[in-house]
Protein backbone atom coordinates (compact mmCIF):
# COMPACT_ATOMS: atom_id res chain seq x y z
CA MET A 1 -4.61 -28.04 32.12
CA THR A 2 -5.26 -26.09 28.75
CA ASP A 3 -3.67 -22.91 28.12
CA LYS A 4 -5.86 -20.22 26.30
CA PHE A 5 -3.99 -18.32 23.72
CA GLU A 6 -5.81 -15.13 23.12
CA GLU A 7 -5.03 -13.19 20.25
CA LYS A 8 -5.18 -9.56 20.90
CA GLU A 9 -5.80 -7.01 18.59
CA PRO A 10 -3.50 -3.64 18.77
CA SER A 11 -5.20 -0.67 20.19
CA ASP A 12 -6.61 1.60 17.98
CA LYS A 13 -3.72 4.29 18.35
CA ILE A 14 -0.99 1.52 17.48
CA LYS A 15 -2.87 0.63 14.59
CA SER A 16 -3.66 3.79 13.21
CA ASN A 17 0.07 4.76 13.24
CA GLN A 18 1.48 1.80 11.77
CA PRO A 19 3.69 2.81 8.34
CA LEU A 20 4.17 0.00 5.65
CA SER A 21 7.59 -1.35 5.25
CA GLY A 22 9.99 -0.46 2.34
CA MET A 23 9.17 -3.68 0.65
CA GLN A 24 5.35 -3.15 0.92
CA LYS A 25 5.71 0.53 -0.35
CA LEU A 26 7.73 -0.74 -3.57
CA LEU A 27 5.33 -3.54 -4.34
CA PHE A 28 2.69 -1.13 -3.97
CA ALA A 29 4.58 1.28 -6.76
CA MET A 30 5.18 -1.94 -8.67
CA PHE A 31 1.81 -3.19 -8.99
CA CYS A 32 -0.21 -0.13 -8.97
CA TRP A 33 -2.14 -0.75 -11.74
CA GLY A 34 -4.09 -3.81 -10.29
CA VAL A 35 -7.48 -4.01 -8.69
CA GLN A 36 -6.10 -6.12 -6.01
CA SER A 37 -3.59 -3.42 -4.96
CA TRP A 38 -6.36 -0.89 -4.47
CA ASN A 39 -8.68 -2.96 -2.55
CA HIS A 40 -6.06 -3.93 -0.33
CA ALA A 41 -5.18 -0.50 0.51
CA GLY A 42 -9.02 0.04 0.98
CA ASN A 43 -8.67 -3.13 3.55
CA PHE A 44 -6.07 -1.00 5.27
CA LYS A 45 -8.63 2.02 5.85
CA ALA A 46 -11.59 -0.24 6.74
CA ASN A 47 -9.29 -2.18 9.47
CA GLY A 48 -8.04 1.12 10.91
CA TYR A 49 -4.78 1.36 9.74
CA ASP A 50 -4.94 4.96 8.69
CA GLN A 51 -0.81 5.65 8.16
CA LYS A 52 -0.75 2.24 6.03
CA TYR A 53 -3.68 3.36 3.76
CA ILE A 54 -1.94 6.78 3.17
CA ASP A 55 1.40 5.39 2.41
CA ALA A 56 -0.17 2.69 0.22
CA ARG A 57 -2.10 5.30 -2.03
CA LYS A 58 0.80 7.51 -2.05
CA ALA A 59 3.08 4.65 -3.65
CA MET A 60 0.37 3.71 -5.76
CA TYR A 61 0.08 7.23 -7.11
CA THR A 62 3.85 7.39 -7.46
CA GLY A 63 4.24 4.16 -9.56
CA LEU A 64 1.15 5.61 -11.58
CA VAL A 65 3.58 8.61 -12.41
CA ILE A 66 6.78 6.47 -13.17
CA TYR A 67 4.80 4.37 -15.47
CA GLY A 68 3.21 7.41 -17.02
CA LEU A 69 6.64 9.30 -17.18
CA GLY A 70 8.14 5.95 -18.83
CA ILE A 71 5.36 5.62 -21.48
CA VAL A 72 5.84 8.98 -22.34
CA LEU A 73 9.71 9.03 -22.99
CA PHE A 74 9.78 5.71 -24.66
CA ILE A 75 6.87 7.36 -27.14
CA LEU A 76 9.40 10.17 -27.65
CA LEU A 77 12.51 8.09 -28.11
CA LEU A 78 10.44 6.33 -31.23
CA LEU A 79 9.58 9.46 -32.53
């Protein structure tokens, strides 16, 4: 007797509403400047994880704003 284990993919409604975890949001914000992060977010969209895609993009844009403000403040402190 052999048991068959079939991996079932989550239904489309469940997949599209799954949010990112807090750690994933933090990592997307920290590594927002990398091509790999943007491609990973695009893969969420392509695989049907709409909420994860939205959360990843928000986290990356937040990371870009934080990095930008940090650079501006650093330059202002030097002057």
